[in-house]
N, C-alpha and C. Protein backbone atom coordinates (compact mmCIF):
# COMPACT_ATOMS: atom_id res chain seq x y z
N MET A 1 0.92 -1.55 -0.11
CA MET A 1 -0.21 0.17 -0.05
C MET A 1 0.87 0.83 0.26
N THR A 2 2.53 1.53 0.75
CA THR A 2 2.71 2.06 0.97
C THR A 2 3.22 2.93 -0.90
N MET A 3 3.82 1.13 -1.16
CA MET A 3 4.54 1.91 -2.92
C MET A 3 3.44 2.60 -3.84
N LYS A 4 1.51 1.77 -3.08
CA LYS A 4 1.58 2.44 -4.17
C LYS A 4 0.74 3.68 -4.21
N VAL A 5 1.39 4.88 -2.37
CA VAL A 5 0.77 5.58 -2.59
C VAL A 5 2.18 7.16 -3.14
N GLN A 6 3.18 6.15 -2.60
CA GLN A 6 4.65 6.18 -3.57
C GLN A 6 4.49 6.60 -4.68
N ASN A 7 4.19 5.53 -5.66
CA ASN A 7 4.09 5.68 -7.67
C ASN A 7 3.31 7.24 -7.65
N ASP A 8 1.74 7.30 -6.57
CA ASP A 8 0.56 8.26 -6.62
C ASP A 8 1.54 9.26 -7.54
N ASN A 9 2.16 9.27 -5.89
CA ASN A 9 2.39 10.67 -5.29
C ASN A 9 3.65 11.51 -6.13
N THR A 10 4.57 10.58 -6.46
CA THR A 10 5.08 10.76 -7.57
C THR A 10 4.41 10.92 -8.98
N ALA A 11 3.54 10.43 -10.00
CA ALA A 11 2.89 10.75 -10.57
C ALA A 11 2.32 12.44 -10.11
N ARG A 12 2.21 12.83 -9.44
CA ARG A 12 1.09 14.45 -9.22
C ARG A 12 1.86 15.28 -9.55
N SER A 13 3.11 14.77 -8.87
CA SER A 13 4.63 16.06 -8.64
C SER A 13 4.88 15.90 -10.21
N MET A 14 5.22 15.30 -10.46
CA MET A 14 5.25 15.97 -12.08
C MET A 14 4.40 16.95 -12.79
N LYS A 15 3.76 17.04 -12.77
CA LYS A 15 2.55 18.18 -12.64
C LYS A 15 2.58 19.71 -11.64
N CYS A 16 3.40 19.23 -11.19
CA CYS A 16 4.09 20.48 -9.58
C CYS A 16 4.97 21.78 -10.19
N SER A 17 4.36 22.57 -10.12
CA SER A 17 6.09 23.49 -10.71
C SER A 17 7.11 23.61 -9.68
N ILE A 18 7.30 23.82 -8.95
CA ILE A 18 9.03 24.54 -8.36
C ILE A 18 9.24 25.40 -8.16
N GLU A 19 9.36 26.35 -6.92
CA GLU A 19 10.55 27.63 -6.80
C GLU A 19 11.16 27.22 -5.67
N TRP A 20 12.88 27.74 -5.70
CA TRP A 20 13.72 27.66 -4.87
C TRP A 20 12.95 29.39 -3.73
N ASN A 21 12.78 28.57 -2.31
CA ASN A 21 12.90 29.96 -1.42
C ASN A 21 13.95 30.38 -0.09
N SER A 22 14.89 30.39 -0.50
CA SER A 22 15.80 30.97 -0.19
C SER A 22 15.50 30.54 1.24
N ASN A 23 14.41 31.07 2.09
CA ASN A 23 14.38 30.88 3.76
C ASN A 23 13.79 30.06 4.36
N THR A 24 12.81 28.59 3.53
CA THR A 24 12.19 27.60 3.16
C THR A 24 12.87 26.78 3.16
N GLY A 25 13.19 26.58 1.46
CA GLY A 25 13.68 25.83 1.10
C GLY A 25 13.41 25.98 -0.30
N TYR A 26 12.17 25.41 -0.77
CA TYR A 26 10.74 25.53 -1.80
C TYR A 26 9.36 25.10 -1.65
N GLU A 27 8.74 26.31 -2.36
CA GLU A 27 7.22 26.13 -2.51
C GLU A 27 6.76 25.80 -3.87
N VAL A 28 5.89 24.94 -3.26
CA VAL A 28 5.72 24.33 -4.66
C VAL A 28 4.13 24.56 -4.79
N LEU A 29 4.10 25.57 -6.59
CA LEU A 29 2.74 24.96 -6.59
C LEU A 29 2.32 24.22 -7.24
N ASP A 30 0.58 23.22 -6.66
CA ASP A 30 0.25 22.44 -7.15
C ASP A 30 -1.32 22.61 -8.11
N ARG A 31 -1.98 22.62 -8.49
CA ARG A 31 -3.40 23.20 -8.32
C ARG A 31 -3.78 24.46 -8.31
N GLY A 32 -3.05 24.92 -8.09
CA GLY A 32 -2.98 26.53 -8.07
C GLY A 32 -3.53 26.61 -6.47
N TYR A 33 -2.75 26.12 -5.55
CA TYR A 33 -2.52 26.43 -4.36
C TYR A 33 -1.21 26.04 -4.01
N ARG A 34 0.23 26.78 -3.47
CA ARG A 34 0.88 27.13 -3.40
C ARG A 34 0.74 26.29 -1.90
N HIS A 35 2.69 25.64 -1.71
CA HIS A 35 2.95 24.68 -0.51
C HIS A 35 4.24 25.00 -0.07
N ILE A 36 4.76 25.37 1.27
CA ILE A 36 5.89 26.07 1.31
C ILE A 36 7.03 24.41 2.27
N VAL A 37 7.39 23.65 1.35
CA VAL A 37 8.71 22.29 1.18
C VAL A 37 9.69 22.31 2.19
N ASP A 38 10.32 22.26 3.38
CA ASP A 38 11.21 23.00 4.44
C ASP A 38 12.41 21.05 3.95
N LEU A 39 12.84 20.34 3.90
CA LEU A 39 13.30 19.40 3.03
C LEU A 39 14.33 19.07 4.28
N SER A 40 15.11 19.78 5.20
CA SER A 40 15.73 20.06 6.57
C SER A 40 15.34 19.13 7.45
N LYS A 41 13.60 19.71 7.81
CA LYS A 41 12.93 19.46 8.62
C LYS A 41 11.24 18.36 8.78
N GLN A 42 11.87 17.65 7.27
CA GLN A 42 11.34 16.82 6.82
C GLN A 42 9.20 17.15 6.58
N TYR A 43 9.28 18.67 5.80
CA TYR A 43 7.72 19.26 6.71
C TYR A 43 7.07 19.95 4.90
N CYS A 44 6.30 19.88 5.08
CA CYS A 44 5.49 20.15 3.54
C CYS A 44 3.68 21.45 4.04
N SER A 45 3.93 21.85 4.34
CA SER A 45 2.57 23.21 5.20
C SER A 45 1.43 22.62 4.60
N CYS A 46 0.87 21.37 3.73
CA CYS A 46 -0.33 20.36 3.31
C CYS A 46 -0.28 19.17 4.93
N ARG A 47 0.64 18.79 4.82
CA ARG A 47 0.87 18.42 6.99
C ARG A 47 0.80 16.02 6.09
N ALA A 48 0.95 16.60 4.94
CA ALA A 48 0.62 15.12 3.77
C ALA A 48 1.20 14.10 5.29
N TRP A 49 2.90 14.52 4.83
CA TRP A 49 4.02 14.02 4.62
C TRP A 49 4.34 13.80 6.52
N ILE A 50 3.56 14.13 7.44
CA ILE A 50 3.55 14.57 8.61
C ILE A 50 2.68 13.40 8.68
N LEU A 51 1.54 13.29 8.70
CA LEU A 51 0.66 12.33 8.85
C LEU A 51 0.79 10.50 8.12
N LYS A 52 1.45 11.06 6.71
CA LYS A 52 1.23 9.79 6.87
C LYS A 52 2.64 9.18 7.01
N GLY A 53 3.73 10.03 6.76
CA GLY A 53 5.40 8.82 7.11
C GLY A 53 5.29 8.85 5.41
N ILE A 54 4.95 9.12 4.06
CA ILE A 54 5.23 9.00 2.57
C ILE A 54 5.26 10.38 2.87
N PRO A 55 6.41 10.62 2.09
CA PRO A 55 6.49 12.29 1.17
C PRO A 55 5.46 12.26 0.32
N CYS A 56 5.12 13.09 0.09
CA CYS A 56 3.49 13.56 -0.10
C CYS A 56 4.03 14.77 -1.60
N PRO A 57 3.37 14.84 -2.90
CA PRO A 57 3.35 15.62 -4.26
C PRO A 57 4.53 16.13 -4.46
N HIS A 58 4.87 17.01 -2.75
CA HIS A 58 5.50 18.56 -3.39
C HIS A 58 7.21 17.70 -2.64
N GLU A 59 7.07 17.60 -2.08
CA GLU A 59 8.30 17.53 -0.89
C GLU A 59 9.11 15.78 -2.21
N VAL A 60 7.87 15.16 -3.18
CA VAL A 60 9.05 14.45 -4.24
C VAL A 60 8.82 15.92 -4.98
N ALA A 61 8.96 16.86 -5.38
CA ALA A 61 8.69 17.21 -6.80
C ALA A 61 10.51 18.32 -6.21
N ALA A 62 9.87 18.18 -4.88
CA ALA A 62 11.74 19.13 -4.37
C ALA A 62 13.23 18.36 -4.56
N LEU A 63 12.09 16.49 -3.84
CA LEU A 63 13.37 15.81 -3.38
C LEU A 63 14.21 15.45 -5.08
N HIS A 64 13.48 15.38 -5.98
CA HIS A 64 13.77 15.32 -7.00
C HIS A 64 14.84 16.11 -7.58
N HIS A 65 14.34 17.65 -7.69
CA HIS A 65 14.93 18.97 -8.34
C HIS A 65 16.00 18.78 -7.43
N LYS A 66 16.45 18.01 -6.54
CA LYS A 66 17.83 18.28 -5.63
C LYS A 66 18.71 16.20 -5.84
N LYS A 67 17.71 15.79 -6.59
CA LYS A 67 18.39 14.67 -7.79
C LYS A 67 18.90 13.87 -5.69
N GLN A 68 17.87 13.54 -5.54
CA GLN A 68 17.33 12.76 -4.58
C GLN A 68 16.80 11.71 -4.83
N GLU A 69 16.53 10.47 -4.08
CA GLU A 69 15.50 9.45 -4.95
C GLU A 69 14.10 9.87 -2.88
N PRO A 70 12.64 9.87 -3.15
CA PRO A 70 12.28 10.03 -2.47
C PRO A 70 11.85 8.55 -2.05
N ILE A 71 11.96 8.09 -2.05
CA ILE A 71 11.55 6.58 -1.75
C ILE A 71 12.92 6.57 -0.10
N ASN A 72 13.59 6.93 0.28
CA ASN A 72 14.94 6.63 1.27
C ASN A 72 13.68 7.33 2.26
N TYR A 73 13.36 8.40 2.61
CA TYR A 73 12.62 9.83 3.27
C TYR A 73 11.26 9.08 3.55
N ILE A 74 10.50 7.58 3.27
CA ILE A 74 10.28 7.16 3.91
C ILE A 74 9.75 6.71 5.23
N SER A 75 8.82 6.82 6.71
CA SER A 75 9.48 6.49 7.38
C SER A 75 8.75 5.24 7.40
N HIS A 76 9.63 4.68 8.34
CA HIS A 76 9.98 3.33 8.64
C HIS A 76 8.92 2.15 9.50
N TRP A 77 8.44 3.25 10.10
CA TRP A 77 6.90 3.14 10.99
C TRP A 77 5.38 2.66 10.25
């Protein structure tokens, strides 16, 4: 189930627009909403990553921008 959610988030992340924000990390535009992503704190303003332990599409977009694998950021719990 975790991998299905991760694959869905990866597909959705391809439709996101990403901008660097030097204060917090990244700003990701998704479906007209702007989300703040801070990879060092593993935080996204949509809060999906905190709730599920699986990187949300906004985090996946930021991780791909940094050329990192989102699968490495899935919570072990």
